[in-house]
Amino acid sequence: MHLLTPDDIQLLTQVGFIAASRADVQRAEAIFGALQRVRPARAFAHVGLACARLNAGRAAEAAQALERALPDVADGEDADTVRAFLGLALQLDGRHSESRRVLQNLLRAAAAGADNDGLRLARRMLGEPAAPST
């Protein structure tokens, strides 16, 4: 028996992103921390908490948390999204070459023709075309 329904998770995620948008790291940690325990392999809770830290000017913490999350995140779109946000956090932390390397590696590892939110963010950050070239 699941304690949270998909609708409950969606509502908590929305509330968590409201906290993140206001740089309310304490509330975001409570909400997204719980969601990470329920859905550890999904990107949304890791990204939400990273966004709270980024909005609070704590880019180094966001990058560290995203790096720690990567081994447990599901391959594919979830991992791509976490890697793209890691690239963003590194850039905002002033670690431009590391950011560029993470984003380039993300795009290099993507299957030909692959497209998802993480890959699109990485392309935009690197100034590459929005659609993958075939």
Protein backbone atom coordinates (compact mmCIF):
# COMPACT_ATOMS: atom_id res chain seq x y z
CA MET A 1 0.00 0.00 0.00
CA HIS A 2 1.35 3.40 -1.01
CA LEU A 3 0.98 6.25 1.43
CA LEU A 4 1.01 8.87 -1.33
CA THR A 5 -1.04 8.77 -4.50
CA PRO A 6 0.33 10.23 -7.75
CA ASP A 7 -1.98 13.22 -7.19
CA ASP A 8 -0.49 13.70 -3.70
CA ILE A 9 3.02 13.61 -5.15
CA GLN A 10 2.08 16.12 -7.84
CA LEU A 11 0.57 18.49 -5.27
CA LEU A 12 3.58 18.22 -2.96
CA THR A 13 5.89 18.81 -5.92
CA GLN A 14 3.99 21.97 -6.84
CA VAL A 15 4.14 23.24 -3.25
CA GLY A 16 7.83 22.37 -3.11
CA PHE A 17 8.54 24.39 -6.24
CA ILE A 18 6.67 27.34 -4.75
CA ALA A 19 9.00 27.12 -1.75
CA ALA A 20 11.97 26.77 -4.11
CA SER A 21 10.93 29.84 -6.10
CA ARG A 22 10.93 31.83 -2.87
CA ALA A 23 14.35 30.47 -1.86
CA ASP A 24 12.72 28.86 1.18
CA VAL A 25 15.30 26.12 1.47
CA GLN A 26 14.03 24.84 4.82
CA ARG A 27 10.52 24.11 3.53
CA ALA A 28 11.85 22.87 0.19
CA GLU A 29 14.14 20.45 2.05
CA ALA A 30 11.21 19.11 4.06
CA ILE A 31 9.01 18.60 1.01
CA PHE A 32 11.58 17.44 -1.52
CA GLY A 33 13.43 15.36 1.08
CA ALA A 34 10.25 13.37 1.62
CA LEU A 35 9.65 13.10 -2.12
CA GLN A 36 13.23 11.89 -2.64
CA ARG A 37 12.52 9.02 -0.26
CA VAL A 38 9.32 8.12 -2.12
CA ARG A 39 10.74 8.53 -5.66
CA PRO A 40 14.57 8.46 -5.32
CA ALA A 41 15.18 7.55 -8.97
CA ARG A 42 13.16 10.48 -10.35
CA ALA A 43 14.69 13.88 -11.07
CA PHE A 44 11.94 16.21 -9.84
CA ALA A 45 12.73 16.17 -6.12
CA HIS A 46 16.48 16.54 -6.67
CA VAL A 47 15.96 19.39 -9.13
CA GLY A 48 13.42 21.10 -6.88
CA LEU A 49 15.78 21.13 -3.95
CA ALA A 50 18.62 22.32 -6.18
CA CYS A 51 16.41 25.16 -7.44
CA ALA A 52 15.71 26.25 -3.86
CA ARG A 53 19.42 26.34 -3.13
CA LEU A 54 20.19 28.15 -6.39
CA ASN A 55 17.55 30.78 -5.65
CA ALA A 56 19.05 31.21 -2.19
CA GLY A 57 22.48 31.86 -3.70
CA ARG A 58 23.83 28.48 -2.62
CA ALA A 59 24.99 27.14 -5.97
CA ALA A 60 27.88 25.10 -4.53
CA GLU A 61 25.46 23.20 -2.27
CA ALA A 62 23.09 22.62 -5.19
CA ALA A 63 25.92 21.21 -7.31
CA GLN A 64 27.11 18.91 -4.52
CA ALA A 65 23.60 17.56 -3.93
CA LEU A 66 23.04 16.93 -7.64
CA GLU A 67 26.39 15.14 -7.94
CA ARG A 68 25.46 12.92 -4.99
CA ALA A 69 22.05 12.19 -6.51
CA LEU A 70 23.29 11.08 -9.94
CA PRO A 71 24.16 7.44 -9.12
CA ASP A 72 20.63 6.82 -7.83
CA VAL A 73 18.70 8.61 -10.57
CA ALA A 74 17.14 6.58 -13.38
CA ASP A 75 18.99 6.56 -16.69
CA GLY A 76 17.43 8.52 -19.51
CA GLU A 77 15.41 11.68 -19.07
CA ASP A 78 15.74 11.80 -15.28
CA ALA A 79 19.53 11.53 -15.34
CA ASP A 80 19.72 13.96 -18.26
CA THR A 81 17.70 16.51 -16.31
CA VAL A 82 19.82 16.15 -13.18
CA ARG A 83 23.02 16.50 -15.25
CA ALA A 84 21.70 19.61 -17.01
CA PHE A 85 20.83 21.22 -13.68
CA LEU A 86 24.24 20.19 -12.38
CA GLY A 87 25.73 22.10 -15.30
CA LEU A 88 23.61 25.10 -14.38
CA ALA A 89 24.59 24.94 -10.71
CA LEU A 90 28.28 24.67 -11.60
CA GLN A 91 27.97 27.67 -13.91
CA LEU A 92 26.22 29.73 -11.23
CA ASP A 93 28.97 28.71 -8.81
CA GLY A 94 31.54 30.20 -11.19
CA ARG A 95 32.88 26.79 -12.24
CA HIS A 96 32.44 27.46 -15.94
CA SER A 97 34.82 24.85 -17.37
CA GLU A 98 33.31 22.11 -15.18
CA SER A 99 29.83 23.22 -16.23
CA ARG A 100 30.76 23.12 -19.89
CA ARG A 101 32.34 19.67 -19.51
CA VAL A 102 29.23 18.23 -17.76
CA LEU A 103 26.91 19.66 -20.42
CA GLN A 104 29.10 18.53 -23.35
CA ASN A 105 29.40 15.02 -21.88
CA LEU A 106 25.63 14.91 -21.44
CA LEU A 107 25.06 15.76 -25.10
CA ARG A 108 27.81 13.40 -26.32
CA ALA A 109 26.33 10.48 -24.39
CA ALA A 110 22.79 11.07 -25.68
CA ALA A 111 21.48 8.67 -28.28
CA ALA A 112 21.23 10.03 -31.80
CA GLY A 113 17.99 11.96 -32.17
CA ALA A 114 17.30 11.93 -28.42
CA ASP A 115 15.43 14.92 -27.07
CA ASN A 116 14.11 15.73 -23.61
CA ASP A 117 14.04 18.68 -21.21
CA GLY A 118 17.54 18.01 -19.86
CA LEU A 119 19.07 17.76 -23.30
CA ARG A 120 17.27 20.92 -24.47
CA LEU A 121 18.54 22.83 -21.42
CA ALA A 122 22.08 21.62 -22.06
CA ARG A 123 21.90 22.67 -25.71
CA ARG A 124 20.62 26.13 -24.79
CA MET A 125 23.31 26.62 -22.19
CA LEU A 126 25.99 25.65 -24.71
CA GLY A 127 24.47 27.79 -27.46
CA GLU A 128 23.81 24.79 -29.67
CA PRO A 129 20.82 24.31 -32.00
CA ALA A 130 17.59 23.49 -30.21
CA ALA A 131 16.90 20.34 -32.20
CA PRO A 132 19.43 17.55 -32.52
CA SER A 133 21.07 17.41 -35.93
CA THR A 134 20.67 14.17 -37.80
